[in-house]
Amino acid sequence: QVQLVESGGGLVQAGGSLRLSCAASGSIFSINAMGWYRQAPGKQRELVATVTKGGTKNYADSVKGRFTISRDNAKNTVYLQMNNLKPEDTAGYYCSAAWVNGRNFWGQGTQVTVSS
């Protein structure tokens, strides 16, 4: 099992920045990819960004150029730096960690609210 604890959400004005953190514990040696997903009310959960243990990154088109994902393997922590936030970025943000065998784990989520 993997436990994920997120922090860093909050309320920010449009154009502002937030940094999310997610610390993993438990059976972390089997983790390959870590990342962030988000879910707005009435919408499906969608990918925001992922990063593999080797450093390969993937971003949703809607956040490219504004969000940056990074990972500290020594601290088993993944970060999401969010700049130039827009009201449409408002959602619950969920950290994920995937084992090499594909099993996925989720954090409890942290709310990001962007006011216009």
C-alpha atoms as a PDB file:
ATOM      1  CA  GLN A   1       0.000   0.000   0.000  1.00  0.00           C
ATOM      2  CA  VAL A   2       0.953   3.625  -0.582  1.00  0.00           C
ATOM      3  CA  GLN A   3      -0.266   6.560   1.457  1.00  0.00           C
ATOM      4  CA  LEU A   4      -0.349  10.011  -0.124  1.00  0.00           C
ATOM      5  CA  VAL A   5      -0.719  13.269   1.795  1.00  0.00           C
ATOM      6  CA  GLU A   6      -1.370  16.461  -0.155  1.00  0.00           C
ATOM      7  CA  SER A   7      -0.959  20.043   0.947  1.00  0.00           C
ATOM      8  CA  GLY A   8      -0.885  23.513  -0.517  1.00  0.00           C
ATOM      9  CA  GLY A   9      -4.371  24.151  -1.846  1.00  0.00           C
ATOM     10  CA  GLY A  10      -6.324  27.300  -1.139  1.00  0.00           C
ATOM     11  CA  LEU A  11      -8.035  30.370  -2.507  1.00  0.00           C
ATOM     12  CA  VAL A  12      -6.215  32.622  -4.934  1.00  0.00           C
ATOM     13  CA  GLN A  13      -7.132  35.378  -7.361  1.00  0.00           C
ATOM     14  CA  ALA A  14      -6.901  34.840 -11.087  1.00  0.00           C
ATOM     15  CA  GLY A  15      -3.326  35.296 -12.249  1.00  0.00           C
ATOM     16  CA  GLY A  16      -1.948  34.118  -8.942  1.00  0.00           C
ATOM     17  CA  SER A  17       0.129  31.080  -8.040  1.00  0.00           C
ATOM     18  CA  LEU A  18      -0.080  28.075  -5.755  1.00  0.00           C
ATOM     19  CA  ARG A  19       2.230  25.166  -5.081  1.00  0.00           C
ATOM     20  CA  LEU A  20       0.852  21.746  -4.241  1.00  0.00           C
ATOM     21  CA  SER A  21       2.899  19.063  -2.509  1.00  0.00           C
ATOM     22  CA  CYS A  22       2.270  15.350  -2.137  1.00  0.00           C
ATOM     23  CA  ALA A  23       4.329  13.120   0.114  1.00  0.00           C
ATOM     24  CA  ALA A  24       4.250   9.358  -0.372  1.00  0.00           C
ATOM     25  CA  SER A  25       4.868   6.726   2.267  1.00  0.00           C
ATOM     26  CA  GLY A  26       4.455   2.983   2.571  1.00  0.00           C
ATOM     27  CA  SER A  27       5.473   0.682  -0.266  1.00  0.00           C
ATOM     28  CA  ILE A  28       7.158   3.445  -2.211  1.00  0.00           C
ATOM     29  CA  PHE A  29       9.883   1.314  -3.780  1.00  0.00           C
ATOM     30  CA  SER A  30       7.388   0.064  -6.370  1.00  0.00           C
ATOM     31  CA  ILE A  31       6.203   3.523  -7.430  1.00  0.00           C
ATOM     32  CA  ASN A  32       6.848   4.489 -11.025  1.00  0.00           C
ATOM     33  CA  ALA A  33       4.670   7.430 -12.005  1.00  0.00           C
ATOM     34  CA  MET A  34       3.336  10.112  -9.698  1.00  0.00           C
ATOM     35  CA  GLY A  35       1.058  12.899 -10.697  1.00  0.00           C
ATOM     36  CA  TRP A  36      -1.876  15.186 -10.214  1.00  0.00           C
ATOM     37  CA  TYR A  37      -5.461  14.925 -11.361  1.00  0.00           C
ATOM     38  CA  ARG A  38      -8.337  17.302 -10.773  1.00  0.00           C
ATOM     39  CA  GLN A  39     -12.092  17.108 -10.558  1.00  0.00           C
ATOM     40  CA  ALA A  40     -14.488  20.019 -10.757  1.00  0.00           C
ATOM     41  CA  PRO A  41     -18.114  19.729  -9.570  1.00  0.00           C
ATOM     42  CA  GLY A  42     -20.187  17.806 -12.085  1.00  0.00           C
ATOM     43  CA  LYS A  43     -17.179  16.841 -14.164  1.00  0.00           C
ATOM     44  CA  GLN A  44     -15.037  13.754 -14.501  1.00  0.00           C
ATOM     45  CA  ARG A  45     -11.614  13.539 -12.940  1.00  0.00           C
ATOM     46  CA  GLU A  46      -8.976  14.587 -15.472  1.00  0.00           C
ATOM     47  CA  LEU A  47      -5.227  14.369 -15.744  1.00  0.00           C
ATOM     48  CA  VAL A  48      -3.260  17.504 -14.942  1.00  0.00           C
ATOM     49  CA  ALA A  49       0.341  16.298 -15.015  1.00  0.00           C
ATOM     50  CA  THR A  50       2.409  13.206 -14.365  1.00  0.00           C
ATOM     51  CA  VAL A  51       6.094  12.442 -13.946  1.00  0.00           C
ATOM     52  CA  THR A  52       7.807   9.074 -14.021  1.00  0.00           C
ATOM     53  CA  LYS A  53      10.601   7.974 -11.728  1.00  0.00           C
ATOM     54  CA  GLY A  54      12.977   8.617 -14.625  1.00  0.00           C
ATOM     55  CA  GLY A  55      11.733  12.162 -15.032  1.00  0.00           C
ATOM     56  CA  THR A  56       9.480  11.921 -18.087  1.00  0.00           C
ATOM     57  CA  LYS A  57       6.702  14.498 -17.752  1.00  0.00           C
ATOM     58  CA  ASN A  58       3.258  14.728 -19.280  1.00  0.00           C
ATOM     59  CA  TYR A  59       0.852  17.669 -19.104  1.00  0.00           C
ATOM     60  CA  ALA A  60      -2.730  18.317 -20.035  1.00  0.00           C
ATOM     61  CA  ASP A  61      -2.939  20.816 -22.894  1.00  0.00           C
ATOM     62  CA  SER A  62      -4.942  23.182 -20.702  1.00  0.00           C
ATOM     63  CA  VAL A  63      -2.076  23.662 -18.233  1.00  0.00           C
ATOM     64  CA  LYS A  64       0.972  23.561 -20.503  1.00  0.00           C
ATOM     65  CA  GLY A  65       3.123  26.635 -20.008  1.00  0.00           C
ATOM     66  CA  ARG A  66       1.444  27.488 -16.697  1.00  0.00           C
ATOM     67  CA  PHE A  67       1.925  24.431 -14.463  1.00  0.00           C
ATOM     68  CA  THR A  68       5.167  22.617 -13.698  1.00  0.00           C
ATOM     69  CA  ILE A  69       5.395  19.188 -12.108  1.00  0.00           C
ATOM     70  CA  SER A  70       8.531  18.118 -10.295  1.00  0.00           C
ATOM     71  CA  ARG A  71       9.566  15.179  -8.180  1.00  0.00           C
ATOM     72  CA  ASP A  72      12.076  14.650  -5.402  1.00  0.00           C
ATOM     73  CA  ASN A  73      12.737  10.923  -5.340  1.00  0.00           C
ATOM     74  CA  ALA A  74      14.841  11.221  -2.181  1.00  0.00           C
ATOM     75  CA  LYS A  75      11.864  12.736  -0.334  1.00  0.00           C
ATOM     76  CA  ASN A  76       9.233  10.653  -2.155  1.00  0.00           C
ATOM     77  CA  THR A  77       7.430  13.896  -2.876  1.00  0.00           C
ATOM     78  CA  VAL A  78       5.865  15.342  -5.992  1.00  0.00           C
ATOM     79  CA  TYR A  79       5.107  19.016  -6.471  1.00  0.00           C
ATOM     80  CA  LEU A  80       2.838  20.997  -8.758  1.00  0.00           C
ATOM     81  CA  GLN A  81       3.725  24.640  -9.276  1.00  0.00           C
ATOM     82  CA  MET A  82       0.695  26.424 -10.682  1.00  0.00           C
ATOM     83  CA  ASN A  83       1.176  29.886 -12.159  1.00  0.00           C
ATOM     84  CA  ASN A  84      -1.205  32.240 -13.925  1.00  0.00           C
ATOM     85  CA  LEU A  85      -4.169  30.449 -12.407  1.00  0.00           C
ATOM     86  CA  LYS A  86      -7.557  30.824 -14.057  1.00  0.00           C
ATOM     87  CA  PRO A  87     -11.073  30.403 -12.641  1.00  0.00           C
ATOM     88  CA  GLU A  88     -11.440  27.257 -14.742  1.00  0.00           C
ATOM     89  CA  ASP A  89      -8.585  25.698 -12.748  1.00  0.00           C
ATOM     90  CA  THR A  90     -10.909  25.599  -9.736  1.00  0.00           C
ATOM     91  CA  ALA A  91     -11.251  21.963  -8.674  1.00  0.00           C
ATOM     92  CA  GLY A  92     -10.274  19.351  -6.151  1.00  0.00           C
ATOM     93  CA  TYR A  93      -6.712  18.305  -6.919  1.00  0.00           C
ATOM     94  CA  TYR A  94      -5.750  14.697  -6.243  1.00  0.00           C
ATOM     95  CA  CYS A  95      -2.287  13.213  -6.034  1.00  0.00           C
ATOM     96  CA  SER A  96      -1.761   9.806  -7.571  1.00  0.00           C
ATOM     97  CA  ALA A  97       0.979   7.205  -7.434  1.00  0.00           C
ATOM     98  CA  ALA A  98       1.197   4.188  -9.678  1.00  0.00           C
ATOM     99  CA  TRP A  99       3.123   1.029  -9.057  1.00  0.00           C
ATOM    100  CA  VAL A 100       5.091  -0.529 -11.886  1.00  0.00           C
ATOM    101  CA  ASN A 101       2.373  -3.203 -12.146  1.00  0.00           C
ATOM    102  CA  GLY A 102      -0.222  -0.510 -12.780  1.00  0.00           C
ATOM    103  CA  ARG A 103      -1.933  -0.427  -9.402  1.00  0.00           C
ATOM    104  CA  ASN A 104      -2.895   3.148  -8.597  1.00  0.00           C
ATOM    105  CA  PHE A 105      -3.240   4.977  -5.290  1.00  0.00           C
ATOM    106  CA  TRP A 106      -4.924   8.308  -4.518  1.00  0.00           C
ATOM    107  CA  GLY A 107      -4.581  11.037  -1.956  1.00  0.00           C
ATOM    108  CA  GLN A 108      -7.528  12.590  -0.167  1.00  0.00           C
ATOM    109  CA  GLY A 109      -7.486  15.697  -2.347  1.00  0.00           C
ATOM    110  CA  THR A 110      -6.895  19.384  -1.775  1.00  0.00           C
ATOM    111  CA  GLN A 111      -9.173  22.179  -2.961  1.00  0.00           C
ATOM    112  CA  VAL A 112      -7.951  24.901  -5.277  1.00  0.00           C
ATOM    113  CA  THR A 113     -10.297  27.843  -5.812  1.00  0.00           C
ATOM    114  CA  VAL A 114      -9.458  30.631  -8.234  1.00  0.00           C
ATOM    115  CA  SER A 115     -11.564  33.769  -8.024  1.00  0.00           C
ATOM    116  CA  SER A 116     -12.065  36.071 -10.985  1.00  0.00           C
END
